[in-house]
């Protein structure tokens, strides 16, 4: 069963997606069930941009440059959901956190990311990532949900949720 915080996030995302879900074609529903990315006519360009964004985000994490990582976030701040917690973090608080309390991972990769356009300037990203803090550590797989939205002509993370299994 999902942690309560992730269940709440899933409900919020579902409510955001209701208009898109109501208009979904039957083949879109089958694709969603298989975990595939659903691309409606006209959405392919935004999905491709979101894929490039997520690739760039992963590369920034692997380079370990705090300023480059923070550049991927909404300038007004980001909603962050973790097991049993939810907070809004202002953009100007992100750089000190990444600079002072975060370490570059030895390994990071996105897995099974699915993308769905919520609006002409918003994309839902759902999937997994694997992360190892040191070369000797086995990568831990975590669940991941993000809402990207266009700000100043660029996609940026507005909401980010991560969940992992204990043990």
Foldseek 3Di string as FASTA:
>chain_A
DDFPLVVVVVVVVCVLQVVVVVPDDPVQVVCVVVLAADADPPCVVVVVQVVVLVVQLQVCLQVLDLVSNLVQADQQFAWETERPDIDTDHSVVRSCCSVPPNARFPDKDWPSWYWDDSDPFKIKIWGKMWTHRDPVDGTFIKTKIFIWGDDPRHTHTHYIYIYGDDD
